[in-house]
Every structure is written in C-alpha cells, then in structure tokens.
Amino acid sequence: MILQLNPTILVDTPLGRGHVIFIIDYGMHQNSCWVVALEDNGIVKHFDSNDVIVCANYTYHINLCKNSHKG
C-alpha cells in the first residue's frame, strides 16, 4: 500500500532534514519505506522506518523532548 501524505511530515534522516511525501507499506513482515524529499537539495530518497525521526512539533506536542537533551 502507498500512502501520499498531505500535508507532508517534517523528519530528520541520516542525510539531513526532509519532508515525507509517501510511505510505502510492504506488510507486517517488513519495515515501511519512507519517501523523503530532502530540504538541502530536493533529492528524493527512500529510508527504512528505523532511520526516520519525526521532528519536534510544538503545535501537536510531537517529540518535544528531542531537543531537551542537547548540551
């Protein structure tokens, strides 16, 4: 199943920050594939769900502790 996200989700990846535009679900025996457009260069890359972290979003109270451990 392919899910197009509208609006996109802002995420951090091993290659930098980007916007998830699609999620491809292969079923319960395999991780989902996140299709991300990178902010720095616009390149579209595929990432395993283990490599994607949703960015902090204060409006929706998502991942608020992410930045609190820096220092």
PDB file of N, CA and C in Angstrom:
ATOM      1  N   MET A   1       0.847  -1.167   0.000  1.00  0.00           N
ATOM      2  CA  MET A   1       0.000   0.000   0.000  1.00  0.00           C
ATOM      3  C   MET A   1       0.896   1.235   0.000  1.00  0.00           C
ATOM      4  N   ILE A   2       0.538   2.234  -0.789  1.00  0.00           N
ATOM      5  CA  ILE A   2       1.260   3.507  -0.832  1.00  0.00           C
ATOM      6  C   ILE A   2       0.337   4.589  -0.305  1.00  0.00           C
ATOM      7  N   LEU A   3       0.865   5.367   0.651  1.00  0.00           N
ATOM      8  CA  LEU A   3       0.097   6.459   1.243  1.00  0.00           C
ATOM      9  C   LEU A   3       0.785   7.775   0.912  1.00  0.00           C
ATOM     10  N   GLN A   4       0.082   8.660   0.210  1.00  0.00           N
ATOM     11  CA  GLN A   4       0.608  10.001  -0.062  1.00  0.00           C
ATOM     12  C   GLN A   4       0.213  10.914   1.090  1.00  0.00           C
ATOM     13  N   LEU A   5       1.198  11.621   1.651  1.00  0.00           N
ATOM     14  CA  LEU A   5       0.931  12.481   2.793  1.00  0.00           C
ATOM     15  C   LEU A   5       0.625  13.908   2.343  1.00  0.00           C
ATOM     16  N   ASN A   6      -0.475  14.432   2.839  1.00  0.00           N
ATOM     17  CA  ASN A   6      -0.863  15.803   2.532  1.00  0.00           C
ATOM     18  C   ASN A   6      -1.569  16.368   3.761  1.00  0.00           C
ATOM     19  N   PRO A   7      -0.898  17.150   4.576  1.00  0.00           N
ATOM     20  CA  PRO A   7       0.424  17.748   4.365  1.00  0.00           C
ATOM     21  C   PRO A   7       1.544  16.751   4.665  1.00  0.00           C
ATOM     22  N   THR A   8       2.744  17.124   4.242  1.00  0.00           N
ATOM     23  CA  THR A   8       3.908  16.285   4.483  1.00  0.00           C
ATOM     24  C   THR A   8       4.298  16.336   5.957  1.00  0.00           C
ATOM     25  N   ILE A   9       5.172  15.402   6.360  1.00  0.00           N
ATOM     26  CA  ILE A   9       5.676  15.359   7.731  1.00  0.00           C
ATOM     27  C   ILE A   9       7.167  15.720   7.697  1.00  0.00           C
ATOM     28  N   LEU A  10       7.584  16.638   8.555  1.00  0.00           N
ATOM     29  CA  LEU A  10       8.985  17.032   8.650  1.00  0.00           C
ATOM     30  C   LEU A  10       9.733  16.006   9.489  1.00  0.00           C
ATOM     31  N   VAL A  11      10.829  15.463   8.941  1.00  0.00           N
ATOM     32  CA  VAL A  11      11.586  14.419   9.624  1.00  0.00           C
ATOM     33  C   VAL A  11      13.081  14.679   9.521  1.00  0.00           C
ATOM     34  N   ASP A  12      13.816  14.046  10.453  1.00  0.00           N
ATOM     35  CA  ASP A  12      15.272  14.002  10.377  1.00  0.00           C
ATOM     36  C   ASP A  12      15.663  12.628   9.875  1.00  0.00           C
ATOM     37  N   THR A  13      16.622  12.591   8.943  1.00  0.00           N
ATOM     38  CA  THR A  13      17.113  11.352   8.356  1.00  0.00           C
ATOM     39  C   THR A  13      18.637  11.317   8.481  1.00  0.00           C
ATOM     40  N   PRO A  14      19.278  10.207   8.169  1.00  0.00           N
ATOM     41  CA  PRO A  14      20.737  10.166   8.183  1.00  0.00           C
ATOM     42  C   PRO A  14      21.374  11.149   7.183  1.00  0.00           C
ATOM     43  N   LEU A  15      20.611  11.611   6.200  1.00  0.00           N
ATOM     44  CA  LEU A  15      21.136  12.548   5.203  1.00  0.00           C
ATOM     45  C   LEU A  15      20.669  13.985   5.435  1.00  0.00           C
ATOM     46  N   GLY A  16      19.986  14.240   6.537  1.00  0.00           N
ATOM     47  CA  GLY A  16      19.521  15.591   6.842  1.00  0.00           C
ATOM     48  C   GLY A  16      18.009  15.649   6.955  1.00  0.00           C
ATOM     49  N   ARG A  17      17.515  16.854   7.147  1.00  0.00           N
ATOM     50  CA  ARG A  17      16.080  17.093   7.341  1.00  0.00           C
ATOM     51  C   ARG A  17      15.354  17.051   6.000  1.00  0.00           C
ATOM     52  N   GLY A  18      14.112  16.548   6.044  1.00  0.00           N
ATOM     53  CA  GLY A  18      13.327  16.477   4.818  1.00  0.00           C
ATOM     54  C   GLY A  18      11.848  16.327   5.108  1.00  0.00           C
ATOM     55  N   HIS A  19      11.069  16.267   4.040  1.00  0.00           N
ATOM     56  CA  HIS A  19       9.620  16.136   4.126  1.00  0.00           C
ATOM     57  C   HIS A  19       9.200  14.791   3.551  1.00  0.00           C
ATOM     58  N   VAL A  20       8.454  14.024   4.360  1.00  0.00           N
ATOM     59  CA  VAL A  20       7.940  12.736   3.882  1.00  0.00           C
ATOM     60  C   VAL A  20       6.795  13.014   2.911  1.00  0.00           C
ATOM     61  N   ILE A  21       6.907  12.473   1.699  1.00  0.00           N
ATOM     62  CA  ILE A  21       5.846  12.673   0.716  1.00  0.00           C
ATOM     63  C   ILE A  21       5.031  11.398   0.481  1.00  0.00           C
ATOM     64  N   PHE A  22       5.651  10.235   0.701  1.00  0.00           N
ATOM     65  CA  PHE A  22       4.955   8.955   0.579  1.00  0.00           C
ATOM     66  C   PHE A  22       5.459   8.004   1.654  1.00  0.00           C
ATOM     67  N   ILE A  23       4.610   7.094   2.073  1.00  0.00           N
ATOM     68  CA  ILE A  23       5.019   5.954   2.883  1.00  0.00           C
ATOM     69  C   ILE A  23       4.554   4.709   2.149  1.00  0.00           C
ATOM     70  N   ILE A  24       5.477   3.777   1.959  1.00  0.00           N
ATOM     71  CA  ILE A  24       5.165   2.522   1.286  1.00  0.00           C
ATOM     72  C   ILE A  24       5.168   1.414   2.336  1.00  0.00           C
ATOM     73  N   ASP A  25       4.031   0.769   2.512  1.00  0.00           N
ATOM     74  CA  ASP A  25       3.887  -0.300   3.497  1.00  0.00           C
ATOM     75  C   ASP A  25       3.901  -1.635   2.771  1.00  0.00           C
ATOM     76  N   TYR A  26       4.901  -2.466   3.094  1.00  0.00           N
ATOM     77  CA  TYR A  26       5.048  -3.767   2.437  1.00  0.00           C
ATOM     78  C   TYR A  26       4.395  -4.899   3.210  1.00  0.00           C
ATOM     79  N   GLY A  27       3.787  -4.599   4.339  1.00  0.00           N
ATOM     80  CA  GLY A  27       3.144  -5.637   5.134  1.00  0.00           C
ATOM     81  C   GLY A  27       3.806  -5.786   6.487  1.00  0.00           C
ATOM     82  N   MET A  28       3.272  -6.696   7.282  1.00  0.00           N
ATOM     83  CA  MET A  28       3.705  -6.804   8.672  1.00  0.00           C
ATOM     84  C   MET A  28       5.066  -7.458   8.862  1.00  0.00           C
ATOM     85  N   HIS A  29       5.644  -8.046   7.842  1.00  0.00           N
ATOM     86  CA  HIS A  29       6.926  -8.726   7.982  1.00  0.00           C
ATOM     87  C   HIS A  29       8.104  -7.900   7.490  1.00  0.00           C
ATOM     88  N   GLN A  30       7.856  -6.651   7.085  1.00  0.00           N
ATOM     89  CA  GLN A  30       8.927  -5.799   6.573  1.00  0.00           C
ATOM     90  C   GLN A  30       8.660  -4.358   6.989  1.00  0.00           C
ATOM     91  N   ASN A  31       9.725  -3.609   7.312  1.00  0.00           N
ATOM     92  CA  ASN A  31       9.572  -2.213   7.695  1.00  0.00           C
ATOM     93  C   ASN A  31       9.025  -1.384   6.543  1.00  0.00           C
ATOM     94  N   SER A  32       8.328  -0.336   6.904  1.00  0.00           N
ATOM     95  CA  SER A  32       7.797   0.583   5.896  1.00  0.00           C
ATOM     96  C   SER A  32       8.929   1.397   5.282  1.00  0.00           C
ATOM     97  N   CYS A  33       8.739   1.823   4.053  1.00  0.00           N
ATOM     98  CA  CYS A  33       9.690   2.659   3.339  1.00  0.00           C
ATOM     99  C   CYS A  33       9.142   4.082   3.324  1.00  0.00           C
ATOM    100  N   TRP A  34       9.944   5.037   3.811  1.00  0.00           N
ATOM    101  CA  TRP A  34       9.540   6.438   3.852  1.00  0.00           C
ATOM    102  C   TRP A  34      10.229   7.157   2.698  1.00  0.00           C
ATOM    103  N   VAL A  35       9.459   7.771   1.823  1.00  0.00           N
ATOM    104  CA  VAL A  35       9.995   8.504   0.684  1.00  0.00           C
ATOM    105  C   VAL A  35      10.073   9.972   1.088  1.00  0.00           C
ATOM    106  N   VAL A  36      11.304  10.493   1.143  1.00  0.00           N
ATOM    107  CA  VAL A  36      11.560  11.812   1.721  1.00  0.00           C
ATOM    108  C   VAL A  36      12.228  12.720   0.693  1.00  0.00           C
ATOM    109  N   ALA A  37      11.712  13.955   0.564  1.00  0.00           N
ATOM    110  CA  ALA A  37      12.362  14.996  -0.223  1.00  0.00           C
ATOM    111  C   ALA A  37      13.239  15.795   0.732  1.00  0.00           C
ATOM    112  N   LEU A  38      14.564  15.751   0.529  1.00  0.00           N
ATOM    113  CA  LEU A  38      15.497  16.417   1.423  1.00  0.00           C
ATOM    114  C   LEU A  38      15.433  17.931   1.242  1.00  0.00           C
ATOM    115  N   GLU A  39      15.505  18.667   2.357  1.00  0.00           N
ATOM    116  CA  GLU A  39      15.399  20.127   2.314  1.00  0.00           C
ATOM    117  C   GLU A  39      16.603  20.786   1.654  1.00  0.00           C
ATOM    118  N   ASP A  40      17.812  20.268   1.912  1.00  0.00           N
ATOM    119  CA  ASP A  40      19.020  20.929   1.417  1.00  0.00           C
ATOM    120  C   ASP A  40      19.131  20.964  -0.100  1.00  0.00           C
ATOM    121  N   ASN A  41      18.721  19.864  -0.757  1.00  0.00           N
ATOM    122  CA  ASN A  41      18.964  19.772  -2.192  1.00  0.00           C
ATOM    123  C   ASN A  41      17.767  19.278  -3.002  1.00  0.00           C
ATOM    124  N   GLY A  42      16.674  18.938  -2.347  1.00  0.00           N
ATOM    125  CA  GLY A  42      15.477  18.485  -3.058  1.00  0.00           C
ATOM    126  C   GLY A  42      15.529  17.056  -3.562  1.00  0.00           C
ATOM    127  N   ILE A  43      16.626  16.367  -3.293  1.00  0.00           N
ATOM    128  CA  ILE A  43      16.757  14.984  -3.740  1.00  0.00           C
ATOM    129  C   ILE A  43      15.755  14.118  -2.984  1.00  0.00           C
ATOM    130  N   VAL A  44      15.112  13.201  -3.695  1.00  0.00           N
ATOM    131  CA  VAL A  44      14.153  12.282  -3.093  1.00  0.00           C
ATOM    132  C   VAL A  44      14.865  10.970  -2.802  1.00  0.00           C
ATOM    133  N   LYS A  45      14.790  10.544  -1.534  1.00  0.00           N
ATOM    134  CA  LYS A  45      15.440   9.314  -1.097  1.00  0.00           C
ATOM    135  C   LYS A  45      14.447   8.429  -0.372  1.00  0.00           C
ATOM    136  N   HIS A  46      14.730   7.134  -0.357  1.00  0.00           N
ATOM    137  CA  HIS A  46      13.927   6.158   0.374  1.00  0.00           C
ATOM    138  C   HIS A  46      14.660   5.786   1.658  1.00  0.00           C
ATOM    139  N   PHE A  47      13.925   5.766   2.776  1.00  0.00           N
ATOM    140  CA  PHE A  47      14.508   5.417   4.064  1.00  0.00           C
ATOM    141  C   PHE A  47      13.668   4.345   4.735  1.00  0.00           C
ATOM    142  N   ASP A  48      14.356   3.443   5.412  1.00  0.00           N
ATOM    143  CA  ASP A  48      13.694   2.456   6.246  1.00  0.00           C
ATOM    144  C   ASP A  48      13.083   3.181   7.448  1.00  0.00           C
ATOM    145  N   SER A  49      11.986   2.681   7.971  1.00  0.00           N
ATOM    146  CA  SER A  49      11.324   3.353   9.088  1.00  0.00           C
ATOM    147  C   SER A  49      12.225   3.475  10.313  1.00  0.00           C
ATOM    148  N   ASN A  50      13.232   2.627  10.451  1.00  0.00           N
ATOM    149  CA  ASN A  50      14.171   2.729  11.576  1.00  0.00           C
ATOM    150  C   ASN A  50      15.110   3.924  11.450  1.00  0.00           C
ATOM    151  N   ASP A  51      15.211   4.530  10.260  1.00  0.00           N
ATOM    152  CA  ASP A  51      16.144   5.630  10.020  1.00  0.00           C
ATOM    153  C   ASP A  51      15.485   7.008  10.051  1.00  0.00           C
ATOM    154  N   VAL A  52      14.197   7.064  10.347  1.00  0.00           N
ATOM    155  CA  VAL A  52      13.451   8.326  10.282  1.00  0.00           C
ATOM    156  C   VAL A  52      12.992   8.732  11.683  1.00  0.00           C
ATOM    157  N   ILE A  53      13.214  10.007  12.028  1.00  0.00           N
ATOM    158  CA  ILE A  53      12.752  10.548  13.308  1.00  0.00           C
ATOM    159  C   ILE A  53      11.884  11.769  13.017  1.00  0.00           C
ATOM    160  N   VAL A  54      10.660  11.754  13.509  1.00  0.00           N
ATOM    161  CA  VAL A  54       9.762  12.888  13.314  1.00  0.00           C
ATOM    162  C   VAL A  54      10.312  14.081  14.095  1.00  0.00           C
ATOM    163  N   CYS A  55      10.391  15.237  13.443  1.00  0.00           N
ATOM    164  CA  CYS A  55      10.914  16.442  14.081  1.00  0.00           C
ATOM    165  C   CYS A  55       9.959  16.924  15.163  1.00  0.00           C
ATOM    166  N   ALA A  56      10.496  17.685  16.103  1.00  0.00           N
ATOM    167  CA  ALA A  56       9.673  18.253  17.176  1.00  0.00           C
ATOM    168  C   ALA A  56       8.598  19.152  16.575  1.00  0.00           C
ATOM    169  N   ASN A  57       7.376  19.014  17.078  1.00  0.00           N
ATOM    170  CA  ASN A  57       6.258  19.836  16.638  1.00  0.00           C
ATOM    171  C   ASN A  57       5.510  20.290  17.887  1.00  0.00           C
ATOM    172  N   TYR A  58       5.671  21.564  18.224  1.00  0.00           N
ATOM    173  CA  TYR A  58       5.095  22.080  19.457  1.00  0.00           C
ATOM    174  C   TYR A  58       3.579  22.267  19.357  1.00  0.00           C
ATOM    175  N   THR A  59       3.057  22.452  18.168  1.00  0.00           N
ATOM    176  CA  THR A  59       1.617  22.594  17.997  1.00  0.00           C
ATOM    177  C   THR A  59       0.893  21.296  18.323  1.00  0.00           C
ATOM    178  N   TYR A  60       1.434  20.177  17.826  1.00  0.00           N
ATOM    179  CA  TYR A  60       0.803  18.879  18.030  1.00  0.00           C
ATOM    180  C   TYR A  60       1.450  18.077  19.151  1.00  0.00           C
ATOM    181  N   HIS A  61       2.405  18.677  19.882  1.00  0.00           N
ATOM    182  CA  HIS A  61       3.068  18.030  21.020  1.00  0.00           C
ATOM    183  C   HIS A  61       3.735  16.711  20.626  1.00  0.00           C
ATOM    184  N   ILE A  62       4.442  16.735  19.490  1.00  0.00           N
ATOM    185  CA  ILE A  62       5.143  15.558  18.990  1.00  0.00           C
ATOM    186  C   ILE A  62       6.641  15.715  19.247  1.00  0.00           C
ATOM    187  N   ASN A  63       7.242  14.721  19.892  1.00  0.00           N
ATOM    188  CA  ASN A  63       8.689  14.646  20.074  1.00  0.00           C
ATOM    189  C   ASN A  63       9.265  15.893  20.750  1.00  0.00           C
ATOM    190  N   LEU A  64       8.606  16.394  21.770  1.00  0.00           N
ATOM    191  CA  LEU A  64       9.032  17.626  22.425  1.00  0.00           C
ATOM    192  C   LEU A  64      10.334  17.459  23.203  1.00  0.00           C
ATOM    193  N   CYS A  65      10.647  16.276  23.686  1.00  0.00           N
ATOM    194  CA  CYS A  65      11.866  16.081  24.469  1.00  0.00           C
ATOM    195  C   CYS A  65      13.100  15.915  23.595  1.00  0.00           C
ATOM    196  N   LYS A  66      12.957  15.870  22.286  1.00  0.00           N
ATOM    197  CA  LYS A  66      14.077  15.632  21.386  1.00  0.00           C
ATOM    198  C   LYS A  66      15.204  16.654  21.593  1.00  0.00           C
ATOM    199  N   ASN A  67      14.867  17.925  21.684  1.00  0.00           N
ATOM    200  CA  ASN A  67      15.872  18.972  21.796  1.00  0.00           C
ATOM    201  C   ASN A  67      16.290  19.251  23.226  1.00  0.00           C
ATOM    202  N   SER A  68      15.616  18.679  24.209  1.00  0.00           N
ATOM    203  CA  SER A  68      15.912  18.978  25.598  1.00  0.00           C
ATOM    204  C   SER A  68      17.164  18.277  26.106  1.00  0.00           C
ATOM    205  N   HIS A  69      17.678  17.277  25.374  1.00  0.00           N
ATOM    206  CA  HIS A  69      18.847  16.523  25.826  1.00  0.00           C
ATOM    207  C   HIS A  69      20.136  17.000  25.181  1.00  0.00           C
ATOM    208  N   LYS A  70      20.085  18.075  24.394  1.00  0.00           N
ATOM    209  CA  LYS A  70      21.299  18.599  23.764  1.00  0.00           C
ATOM    210  C   LYS A  70      22.114  19.359  24.798  1.00  0.00           C
ATOM    211  N   GLY A  71      23.408  19.352  24.611  1.00  0.00           N
ATOM    212  CA  GLY A  71      24.211  20.147  25.513  1.00  0.00           C
ATOM    213  C   GLY A  71      25.564  19.702  25.621  1.00  0.00           C
TER     214      GLY A  71
END
